Protein backbone atom coordinates (compact mmCIF):
# COMPACT_ATOMS: atom_id res chain seq x y z
CA MET A 1 -24.81 -10.10 0.69
CA ALA A 2 -25.13 -12.49 3.32
CA ARG A 3 -27.69 -12.19 5.88
CA THR A 4 -25.30 -11.39 8.39
CA GLU A 5 -23.78 -8.76 6.63
CA LYS A 6 -26.97 -6.66 5.38
CA LEU A 7 -27.94 -6.83 9.27
CA VAL A 8 -24.60 -5.20 10.28
CA PHE A 9 -24.96 -2.54 7.45
CA CYS A 10 -28.61 -2.20 8.60
CA VAL A 11 -27.83 -1.70 12.55
CA VAL A 12 -24.74 0.92 11.20
CA PHE A 13 -27.45 2.85 9.10
CA LEU A 14 -30.11 3.09 11.96
CA ILE A 15 -27.56 4.65 14.28
CA MET A 16 -26.40 6.97 11.90
CA ASN A 17 -30.09 8.23 11.54
CA TRP A 18 -30.52 7.80 15.13
CA THR A 19 -27.69 10.00 15.91
CA ASN A 20 -28.80 12.13 13.08
CA SER A 21 -32.13 12.79 14.80
CA TYR A 22 -30.92 13.86 18.02
CA SER A 23 -28.34 15.96 16.78
CA GLY A 24 -30.91 18.18 14.78
CA GLN A 25 -33.25 18.99 17.55
CA ARG A 26 -34.05 22.27 18.92
CA LEU A 27 -35.73 23.88 21.75
CA GLY A 28 -38.22 26.63 21.48
CA SER A 29 -36.58 30.10 22.10
CA ILE A 30 -36.77 31.83 25.29
CA ALA A 31 -38.24 35.11 25.57
CA ASP A 32 -35.09 37.85 26.39
CA THR A 33 -37.25 40.35 29.03
CA CYS A 34 -39.19 38.97 32.12
CA THR A 35 -42.61 39.91 31.25
CA GLY A 36 -44.38 38.79 34.69
CA PRO A 37 -44.01 38.44 38.47
CA ASP A 38 -44.00 34.85 37.73
CA GLU A 39 -41.52 34.88 35.39
CA THR A 40 -37.95 33.55 37.68
CA ASP A 41 -40.41 30.58 38.94
CA ILE A 42 -40.91 29.67 35.31
CA LEU A 43 -37.30 30.48 33.94
CA LYS A 44 -36.13 28.33 36.80
CA LYS A 45 -38.18 25.60 35.87
CA GLU A 46 -37.47 25.69 32.11
CA LEU A 47 -34.09 25.48 33.21
CA SER A 48 -34.48 22.08 35.12
CA VAL A 49 -36.17 21.06 32.43
CA LEU A 50 -33.33 21.77 30.08
CA GLN A 51 -30.71 20.33 32.39
CA GLN A 52 -32.70 16.76 32.52
CA LEU A 53 -33.17 17.07 28.59
CA VAL A 54 -29.07 17.05 27.98
CA LYS A 55 -28.67 14.79 30.77
CA ASP A 56 -31.07 12.48 28.94
CA GLN A 57 -29.57 13.20 25.78
CA ALA A 58 -25.83 12.45 26.79
CA ILE A 59 -27.10 9.43 28.39
CA LYS A 60 -28.57 8.40 25.16
CA MET A 61 -25.11 9.38 22.91
CA ASP A 62 -23.59 7.12 25.05
CA ASN A 63 -25.79 4.30 24.55
CA LEU A 64 -25.53 4.77 20.88
CA LYS A 65 -21.21 4.96 21.13
CA GLY A 66 -21.60 2.10 22.58
CA GLU A 67 -23.85 0.26 20.22
CA LEU A 68 -21.66 1.71 17.40
CA TYR A 69 -18.64 0.37 19.05
CA SER A 70 -20.19 -3.02 19.53
CA VAL A 71 -21.43 -3.42 15.95
CA LYS A 72 -17.39 -2.46 14.60
CA GLN A 73 -16.35 -4.93 16.82
CA LYS A 74 -18.51 -7.63 15.58
CA LEU A 75 -17.58 -6.43 11.98
CA SER A 76 -13.32 -6.91 12.61
CA THR A 77 -13.93 -9.99 14.14
CA CYS A 78 -16.25 -11.22 10.72
CA CYS A 79 -13.72 -9.62 8.78
CA SER A 80 -10.70 -10.77 10.51
CA SER A 81 -7.99 -12.93 8.26
CA VAL A 82 -7.93 -15.53 10.76
CA GLY A 83 -9.15 -18.76 9.69
CA PRO A 84 -9.75 -20.46 6.01
CA LEU A 85 -9.60 -18.79 3.32
CA PRO A 86 -13.20 -17.66 1.75
CA SER A 87 -13.46 -18.09 -2.10
CA GLY A 88 -11.21 -14.99 -4.26
CA ASP A 89 -9.41 -14.57 -0.69
CA ASP A 90 -6.37 -15.22 -2.07
CA GLY A 91 -2.81 -13.50 -3.03
CA HIS A 92 -3.00 -9.75 -3.03
CA TYR A 93 -6.62 -10.08 -2.06
CA GLY A 94 -7.40 -9.86 1.55
CA LYS A 95 -9.69 -9.16 4.52
CA GLU A 96 -7.37 -7.08 6.93
CA PHE A 97 -4.55 -4.30 5.76
CA LEU A 98 -1.83 -2.57 7.48
CA ILE A 99 -0.35 0.30 6.46
CA ALA A 100 1.80 3.96 7.04
CA PHE A 101 2.33 6.30 4.80
CA PRO A 102 6.35 7.67 4.34
CA LYS A 103 7.67 11.24 3.88
CA SER A 104 7.82 12.11 0.24
CA LYS A 105 9.65 15.16 -1.71
CA GLY A 106 7.98 18.49 -0.66
CA SER A 107 4.73 18.85 1.39
CA VAL A 108 2.25 15.98 0.41
CA THR A 109 -1.11 17.18 -0.95
CA LYS A 110 -2.99 14.40 -1.63
CA VAL A 111 -3.26 10.78 -0.08
CA GLN A 112 -5.55 8.13 -1.66
CA VAL A 113 -6.62 4.61 -0.64
CA LEU A 114 -7.93 2.84 -4.26
CA ILE A 115 -9.30 -0.10 -3.57
CA THR A 116 -11.05 -2.73 -5.55
CA ALA A 117 -12.79 -6.20 -4.79
CA LYS A 118 -14.28 -9.54 -6.66
CA GLU A 119 -17.60 -8.30 -4.50
CA ASP A 120 -19.44 -6.07 -3.01
CA ALA A 121 -17.96 -5.00 0.16
CA PHE A 122 -17.99 -3.05 3.28
CA VAL A 123 -15.03 -1.50 4.35
CA VAL A 124 -14.14 -0.06 7.93
CA PHE A 125 -10.77 2.42 8.00
CA ASP A 126 -9.51 2.44 11.57
CA SER A 127 -6.71 4.65 13.29
CA ALA A 128 -5.59 6.89 15.84
CA HIS A 129 -5.02 9.61 13.62
CA PRO A 130 -7.81 11.95 13.38
CA GLY A 131 -9.81 12.00 10.16
CA VAL A 132 -8.75 8.62 8.80
CA ASN A 133 -12.21 6.42 10.88
CA ASN A 134 -14.76 5.96 8.10
CA THR A 135 -16.77 3.25 6.64
CA PHE A 136 -17.23 2.90 2.74
CA GLN A 137 -19.08 0.15 0.29
CA VAL A 138 -16.79 -1.03 -2.63
CA SER A 139 -18.14 -1.80 -5.72
CA ALA A 140 -16.95 -4.97 -7.48
CA ASN A 141 -17.71 -3.42 -11.17
CA ALA A 142 -16.32 0.28 -9.98
CA GLY A 143 -13.70 0.12 -7.19
CA LYS A 144 -13.25 3.19 -4.54
CA GLU A 145 -10.78 5.63 -4.44
CA VAL A 146 -10.80 6.94 -0.70
CA SER A 147 -8.62 10.59 0.30
CA LEU A 148 -7.32 10.78 3.66
CA PRO A 149 -5.96 13.84 5.47
CA VAL A 150 -2.60 14.61 4.08
CA SER A 151 -1.55 14.76 7.74
CA VAL A 152 -1.38 10.75 7.81
CA ALA A 153 1.61 10.78 6.24
CA MET A 154 5.29 11.46 7.88
CA ASP A 155 7.08 14.43 7.59
CA SER A 156 9.59 13.61 9.56
CA ASP A 157 11.54 11.07 11.29
CA GLY A 158 10.11 9.62 14.85
CA ILE A 159 7.44 7.80 16.16
CA PHE A 160 4.10 8.96 15.47
CA SER A 161 0.38 7.13 15.61
CA LYS A 162 -0.31 7.53 12.18
CA ALA A 163 -0.52 3.44 11.60
CA MET A 164 -4.41 2.33 9.66
CA THR A 165 -5.89 -0.64 9.18
CA ILE A 166 -8.39 -1.60 6.71
CA ARG A 167 -10.94 -3.95 7.46
CA SER A 168 -13.62 -5.65 4.77
CA SER A 169 -16.63 -7.99 4.78
CA HIS A 170 -15.22 -9.22 1.68
CA ALA A 171 -12.05 -9.95 -0.15
CA ILE A 172 -10.55 -6.31 -1.73
CA SER A 173 -6.83 -5.62 -2.83
CA VAL A 174 -5.95 -2.10 -2.07
CA HIS A 175 -3.19 0.34 -3.48
CA CYS A 176 -1.84 3.23 -2.06
CA VAL A 177 -0.73 6.53 -3.60
CA ILE A 178 1.04 9.84 -2.09
CA GLN A 179 1.51 13.20 -3.86
CA CYS A 180 3.45 16.19 -3.27
CA GLY A 181 2.12 18.97 -5.53
CA CYS A 182 3.52 18.78 -8.76
CA SER A 183 7.16 17.88 -7.41
CA ALA A 184 7.00 14.29 -6.41
CA ALA A 185 4.56 11.09 -6.69
CA GLU A 186 4.38 7.71 -6.02
CA GLY A 187 2.34 4.59 -4.61
CA PHE A 188 2.64 0.56 -3.80
CA LEU A 189 0.56 -2.16 -3.38
CA VAL A 190 -0.43 -3.10 0.14
CA PHE A 191 -0.71 -7.12 0.76
CA PRO A 192 -3.16 -8.30 3.31
CA SER A 193 -1.93 -8.59 6.94
CA ARG A 194 -1.63 -12.62 7.42
CA TYR A 195 1.32 -12.08 4.96
CA LEU A 196 3.23 -9.97 7.34
CA GLY A 197 6.54 -10.94 8.60
CA THR A 198 9.22 -10.84 10.76
CA ARG A 199 12.67 -10.31 8.90
CA TYR A 200 13.16 -7.98 5.77
CA LEU A 201 15.33 -6.26 3.94
CA LEU A 202 15.30 -2.80 2.44
CA SER A 203 15.30 -1.20 -1.13
CA ASN A 204 16.66 2.80 -1.66
CA SER A 205 18.64 4.58 -3.71
CA ASP A 206 19.72 8.26 -2.31
CA PHE A 207 17.73 9.53 0.64
CA ALA A 208 17.03 6.47 1.65
CA ASN A 209 13.54 6.43 3.42
CA ILE A 210 12.18 3.40 5.49
CA ALA A 211 8.76 3.37 7.81
CA ILE A 212 7.60 0.58 9.45
CA ALA A 213 4.28 0.06 11.38
CA SER A 214 3.95 -2.11 14.38
CA GLN A 215 0.48 -4.52 14.54
CA TYR A 216 0.89 -5.41 18.23
CA LYS A 217 1.96 -3.95 21.48
CA ASN A 218 5.40 -4.62 22.63
CA THR A 219 6.78 -5.63 19.57
CA THR A 220 10.78 -5.37 18.96
CA ILE A 221 12.37 -3.78 15.80
CA LYS A 222 16.04 -4.63 15.26
CA LEU A 223 17.46 -2.58 12.26
CA THR A 224 21.04 -3.82 10.90
CA ILE A 225 22.76 -1.62 8.64
CA LEU A 226 24.71 -4.15 6.31
CA SER A 227 25.78 -1.21 3.93
CA SER A 228 25.48 2.30 3.36
CA PRO A 229 27.79 5.36 2.76
CA SER A 230 25.34 7.18 4.90
CA TYR A 231 23.55 7.37 8.63
CA ILE A 232 20.68 7.45 10.06
CA THR A 233 19.82 9.31 13.68
CA TRP A 234 17.53 7.76 15.95
CA LYS A 235 17.08 9.49 19.55
CA GLY A 236 20.50 11.55 19.00
CA VAL A 237 22.50 8.73 18.29
CA ASN A 238 23.88 8.17 14.65
CA TYR A 239 23.87 4.79 13.04
CA THR A 240 25.88 3.65 9.84
CA GLU A 241 27.12 0.66 8.62
CA ASN A 242 27.42 -2.75 10.44
CA GLU A 243 25.86 -1.02 13.78
CA VAL A 244 22.40 -1.82 15.04
CA LEU A 245 19.25 0.11 16.22
CA HIS A 246 17.04 -1.36 18.48
CA ILE A 247 13.38 -0.18 19.10
CA ASP A 248 11.86 -1.97 22.52
CA GLN A 249 8.42 -1.78 23.94
CA THR A 250 6.45 -0.28 20.82
CA LYS A 251 2.61 0.21 20.90
CA GLU A 252 -0.11 -1.38 18.72
CA PHE A 253 -0.31 0.93 15.62
CA GLN A 254 2.70 2.57 16.11
CA THR A 255 4.77 4.19 13.06
CA PHE A 256 8.17 4.90 12.94
CA GLN A 257 9.92 6.66 10.46
CA PHE A 258 14.03 6.49 9.41
CA SER A 259 16.07 8.67 6.79
CA ALA A 260 19.11 9.07 5.48
CA THR A 261 20.92 11.13 2.98
CA GLY A 262 22.51 8.24 0.99
CA TYR A 263 21.32 5.28 0.52
CA LEU A 264 20.58 2.20 3.28
CA PHE A 265 20.62 -1.25 2.81
CA GLY A 266 19.98 -3.47 5.77
CA VAL A 267 17.73 -5.98 7.74
CA ILE A 268 14.78 -5.59 9.39
CA GLU A 269 13.86 -8.03 12.00
CA SER A 270 11.35 -8.07 14.91
CA SER A 271 8.93 -10.00 17.45
CA ASN A 272 5.88 -9.45 15.81
CA PRO A 273 4.76 -9.58 12.26
CA ILE A 274 5.11 -5.44 10.86
CA ALA A 275 4.85 -3.67 7.77
CA VAL A 276 7.99 -2.08 6.58
CA ILE A 277 7.74 0.70 3.25
CA SER A 278 11.04 0.98 1.99
CA GLY A 279 12.44 3.98 -0.74
CA SER A 280 13.82 7.09 -1.18
CA TYR A 281 12.03 10.23 -0.40
CA SER A 282 13.75 12.22 -3.49
CA ASP A 283 15.14 9.81 -5.53
CA SER A 284 18.25 12.11 -7.09
CA SER A 285 19.13 10.17 -10.50
CA ILE A 286 20.12 11.97 -13.82
CA PHE A 287 16.25 12.37 -14.07
CA GLU A 288 13.56 14.75 -12.16
CA ALA A 289 13.71 13.65 -8.31
CA ASN A 290 11.06 12.10 -7.46
CA SER A 291 9.82 10.07 -4.79
CA ALA A 292 10.11 6.36 -4.56
CA MET A 293 8.68 3.85 -2.31
CA GLU A 294 7.53 0.42 -2.01
CA TYR A 295 5.72 -2.11 0.55
CA MET A 296 8.75 -4.83 1.18
CA ILE A 297 7.40 -8.66 1.05
CA PRO A 298 9.18 -10.84 3.96
CA VAL A 299 12.56 -12.29 2.82
CA LYS A 300 10.86 -15.79 2.96
CA ASN A 301 9.11 -14.91 0.13
CA PHE A 302 12.33 -14.63 -2.27
CA ASP A 303 13.09 -16.21 -5.36
CA PHE A 304 16.33 -17.49 -7.29
CA LYS A 305 14.92 -16.74 -10.41
CA TYR A 306 12.76 -13.42 -11.79
CA ILE A 307 11.60 -12.39 -15.16
CA ILE A 308 11.84 -8.63 -15.11
CA PRO A 309 9.77 -7.00 -18.60
CA ASN A 310 10.46 -3.68 -20.51
CA PHE A 311 8.40 -0.68 -19.65
CA ALA A 312 7.28 1.40 -22.44
CA GLU A 313 8.65 4.94 -22.90
CA SER A 314 11.57 4.15 -20.24
CA ARG A 315 14.52 6.39 -20.82
CA GLN A 316 16.71 3.85 -18.53
CA ASP A 317 15.66 1.06 -15.94
CA THR A 318 18.09 0.18 -13.32
CA TYR A 319 17.86 -2.86 -11.71
CA GLN A 320 18.51 -3.61 -8.25
CA PHE A 321 19.51 -7.23 -6.52
CA GLN A 322 19.67 -7.52 -2.58
CA PHE A 323 20.43 -10.20 -0.83
CA GLN A 324 19.99 -11.00 3.20
CA ASP A 325 23.93 -12.38 3.60
CA HIS A 326 27.12 -12.16 2.61
CA ASN A 327 27.44 -15.43 0.94
CA GLU A 328 29.24 -14.99 -2.47
CA ASN A 329 26.70 -13.94 -3.89
CA SER A 330 26.36 -13.92 -8.03
CA VAL A 331 23.42 -12.72 -10.41
CA THR A 332 23.62 -12.82 -14.34
CA ILE A 333 21.66 -11.94 -17.29
CA PRO A 334 21.93 -13.23 -20.50
CA GLY A 335 23.64 -10.54 -22.74
CA ILE A 336 23.61 -7.51 -19.61
CA ASP A 337 26.40 -6.69 -17.68
CA VAL A 338 25.46 -7.17 -14.02
CA LYS A 339 28.08 -5.18 -11.50
CA ARG A 340 28.64 -5.82 -7.38
CA GLY A 341 27.72 -2.81 -5.53
CA GLY A 342 29.98 -1.18 -3.42
CA GLY A 343 32.49 -3.74 -3.46
CA THR A 344 30.22 -5.94 -1.27
CA ASP A 345 27.98 -9.29 -2.46
CA LEU A 346 24.94 -7.78 -0.64
CA PHE A 347 23.49 -6.21 -3.82
CA TYR A 348 24.06 -5.85 -7.38
CA TYR A 349 22.82 -4.06 -9.95
CA ALA A 350 22.71 -3.40 -13.84
CA TYR A 351 20.87 -1.25 -16.63
CA GLY A 352 17.97 -2.55 -18.79
CA ASN A 353 18.30 -2.64 -22.37
CA HIS A 354 14.34 -2.02 -23.23
CA LEU A 355 13.98 -5.80 -23.76
CA PRO A 356 12.53 -7.98 -20.84
CA CYS A 357 15.16 -10.65 -19.44
CA ILE A 358 15.72 -13.17 -16.85
CA ALA A 359 17.76 -12.07 -13.73
CA LYS A 360 19.35 -15.75 -12.35
CA ALA A 361 21.20 -16.03 -8.38
CA ASN A 362 22.91 -18.40 -6.68
CA GLU A 363 20.82 -17.15 -3.63
CA ILE A 364 17.35 -15.94 -2.78
CA MET A 365 17.37 -12.21 -3.67
CA MET A 366 15.07 -9.19 -3.93
CA PRO A 367 15.06 -7.63 -7.13
CA VAL A 368 13.92 -3.75 -7.57
CA VAL A 369 13.48 -1.71 -10.52
CA PHE A 370 14.43 1.69 -10.62
CA SER A 371 12.44 3.25 -14.26
CA SER A 372 12.95 6.48 -15.61
CA TYR A 373 11.52 8.86 -18.14
CA GLU A 374 11.58 12.29 -16.98
CA SER A 375 11.38 11.29 -13.20
CA THR A 376 12.03 8.06 -11.81
CA PHE A 377 9.71 5.22 -9.84
CA MET A 378 10.66 2.22 -8.03
CA THR A 379 8.74 -1.34 -8.55
CA LEU A 380 8.88 -4.83 -7.18
CA ILE A 381 9.48 -7.23 -9.38
CA PRO A 382 7.06 -10.51 -8.89
CA SER A 383 8.93 -13.91 -8.98
CA LYS A 384 6.46 -16.40 -11.63
CA GLU A 385 5.53 -18.04 -8.60
CA GLN A 386 3.57 -14.96 -7.40
CA PHE A 387 1.89 -14.40 -10.45
CA SER A 388 -1.81 -13.97 -9.99
CA ASN A 389 -4.91 -15.02 -12.20
CA ASP A 390 -7.48 -12.10 -11.38
CA TYR A 391 -6.07 -8.37 -11.29
CA ARG A 392 -8.75 -5.36 -10.39
CA PHE A 393 -7.19 -2.24 -10.13
CA LEU A 394 -8.48 1.99 -10.11
CA THR A 395 -5.32 4.22 -12.05
CA PRO A 396 -4.34 6.64 -9.68
CA SER A 397 -6.15 10.51 -9.95
CA THR A 398 -4.12 11.98 -7.68
CA SER A 399 -2.70 14.17 -11.09
CA SER A 400 -2.83 13.76 -14.84
CA PHE A 401 -0.97 10.39 -16.15
CA ARG A 402 -0.32 8.19 -18.96
CA HIS A 403 -0.71 4.97 -17.45
CA TYR A 404 0.72 1.33 -18.37
CA VAL A 405 0.60 -2.12 -17.44
CA VAL A 406 3.27 -4.53 -18.36
CA MET A 407 1.94 -8.28 -18.35
CA THR A 408 4.21 -11.13 -17.99
CA ILE A 409 3.38 -14.25 -19.28
CA LEU A 410 4.57 -17.77 -20.88
CA ALA A 411 4.02 -17.75 -24.42
CA ASN A 412 1.65 -20.95 -24.77
CA GLN A 413 -0.90 -19.43 -22.43
CA ILE A 414 -1.12 -15.71 -23.95
CA ASN A 415 -4.59 -17.10 -25.61
CA GLY A 416 -7.51 -16.60 -22.91
CA ILE A 417 -6.18 -13.31 -21.23
CA LEU A 418 -9.23 -10.63 -21.30
CA ILE A 419 -8.38 -6.59 -20.57
CA ASP A 420 -11.83 -5.43 -19.54
CA SER A 421 -13.81 -8.07 -21.75
CA LYS A 422 -11.59 -7.69 -24.68
CA PRO A 423 -9.05 -10.47 -26.00
CA ILE A 424 -5.63 -9.85 -25.91
CA GLN A 425 -4.22 -10.63 -29.43
CA LYS A 426 -5.80 -6.88 -30.02
CA TYR A 427 -2.38 -5.57 -28.61
CA GLN A 428 -0.16 -8.33 -30.35
CA ASN A 429 1.84 -5.82 -31.86
CA ASN A 430 3.00 -4.62 -28.54
CA MET A 431 4.50 -8.33 -27.11
CA LYS A 432 8.35 -8.90 -27.11
CA SER A 433 9.55 -12.55 -25.57
CA VAL A 434 12.22 -13.75 -23.74
CA THR A 435 13.33 -17.49 -23.66
CA ASN A 436 14.45 -19.22 -19.91
CA SER A 437 17.65 -21.25 -21.27
CA ASP A 438 17.79 -23.43 -18.54
CA THR A 439 13.82 -25.12 -18.94
CA GLY A 440 13.46 -23.19 -22.95
CA GLU A 441 10.19 -21.90 -21.99
CA GLU A 442 9.33 -19.12 -23.89
CA TYR A 443 7.76 -15.88 -21.83
CA ILE A 444 5.77 -12.81 -23.45
CA THR A 445 5.63 -9.27 -21.98
CA ILE A 446 3.05 -6.87 -23.05
CA THR A 447 2.72 -3.15 -22.53
CA ILE A 448 0.06 -2.05 -22.91
CA GLU A 449 -1.43 2.14 -22.47
CA VAL A 450 -4.83 2.16 -19.95
CA SER A 451 -7.49 4.59 -19.77
CA ASN A 452 -7.95 6.40 -16.47
CA GLY A 453 -10.09 4.48 -13.56
CA PHE A 454 -11.06 0.86 -13.03
CA HIS A 455 -9.52 -1.92 -15.09
CA HIS A 456 -10.33 -5.63 -14.69
CA ILE A 457 -7.72 -8.29 -16.16
CA TYR A 458 -7.68 -11.88 -15.73
CA HIS A 459 -7.45 -15.15 -17.66
CA THR A 460 -10.37 -17.47 -18.32
CA ASP A 461 -8.82 -20.54 -17.47
CA SER A 462 -8.48 -20.36 -13.47
CA ASP A 463 -5.08 -22.48 -13.34
CA VAL A 464 -3.33 -19.77 -15.83
CA THR A 465 -1.37 -17.27 -13.90
CA PHE A 466 0.87 -13.75 -14.98
CA GLY A 467 2.33 -10.80 -13.62
CA LEU A 468 1.22 -7.24 -13.92
CA ILE A 469 2.91 -3.81 -13.24
CA LEU A 470 0.75 -0.36 -12.98
CA TYR A 471 3.25 2.39 -13.78
CA GLY A 472 2.66 6.01 -15.53
CA TYR A 473 4.14 9.09 -16.32
CA GLY A 474 3.00 12.81 -15.60
CA THR A 475 1.50 14.28 -18.81
CA SER A 476 2.56 17.56 -17.69
CA GLU A 477 4.48 17.55 -14.42
CA LYS A 478 7.90 15.21 -14.48
CA ILE A 479 6.59 12.85 -11.79
CA SER A 480 5.81 9.05 -12.01
CA TYR A 481 4.48 5.83 -10.00
CA GLY A 482 4.62 2.47 -10.35
CA TYR A 483 3.55 -0.90 -8.50
CA PRO A 484 2.74 -4.48 -8.90
CA ALA A 485 -0.74 -4.69 -9.37
CA GLY A 486 -0.84 -7.26 -7.36
CA LEU A 487 1.43 -10.48 -6.31
CA ARG A 488 0.64 -13.81 -4.50
CA LEU A 489 2.57 -14.52 -1.37
CA LYS A 490 3.65 -17.57 1.03
């Protein structure tokens, strides 16, 4: 740990101990009855002394609060994502994050933030919502699981002050998981604030669910509904297909929640960078209804081609492809029938055949997979350019799951992958391949069941990158979760 970081930590530690030393002081008890003629004068003097002590303590507490605020501000400045990127601060690793927690199916019973780091880190949680502000140390070899008050998740449509920021002394990776008893669970990867954008597409299915977090005050937000059989209601007005909803003059760290009974595809645009989480609060597939959500990536990160892995144990995979404009769009997957959705070229869908495949389009697109076993989870599919070299993650402990990772990598680069220090060859029986007809490149996908807790997967050649998605199905409950273990953005 660098000298500056040690100093900040020591100051915080001293302030905490100084505060405790004052909060624990007690004065001697005062007799219940008068014992002499001068007792009234004595009591008045004692009262005067007590009043002065209270005043002194109040001044000292104000000073302590000022010192603590100053340290937090210095830490925030030190941990700002502005400026040159330090070693390891790339892709899904970063030092500042903005988070909102959408509503889910049923009452939320657990909200967790799962943090991993390449180096030991000092992390600060900050929010206007009570019970969230705190500081933690994260070990590079173990990570940190943080439980938050369930009230930080939104439970209805509207405007709230529930956005949360995380700032860290060193680069960290962040995932979030929400659970609603035994009826629903889901999670998402949070990418660093420096990658937030001003233009997003929405992905969801029935019971569309959208949450937005504003990072700056006076941000304007515009939602253009491109396609929907349903509508959303905002301040007493219904908005549906081809209509535009405007939100002006937001406050910093505000959150906005919208929902609909059907799917709702659209474009969200803003005057300043925002975070957008989209999905469905109760996906109504043929399987058990489950919440589905993902932290959306800005449109500027979309690509023309994606390698879609197979998800072991899945009974049905539905691929959803979305475009930002009507432009005679098309999607092709060799051997799979891709259908236009809802009579429009704004979105297409297909059903997986339990094999990896390559989807290509004539315009940049956003692919999402809804994968079902007994319930359905939703995950973004990273493009090849978004693959990373190093992934550290914690599996969710919100419930009992069977956890899996599915990896995508060029066949000739498979050697050198280490999974918790073990060579990938151990899992060669789980490998499947797909060939890119345009280039002749062969890709391997590998599905591996992993244990509860911390995992580290990387390639020994720092120039080699690969895709990794983490997912799980409940062992005793019909719930599931899934999200990228990490991805690189522009």
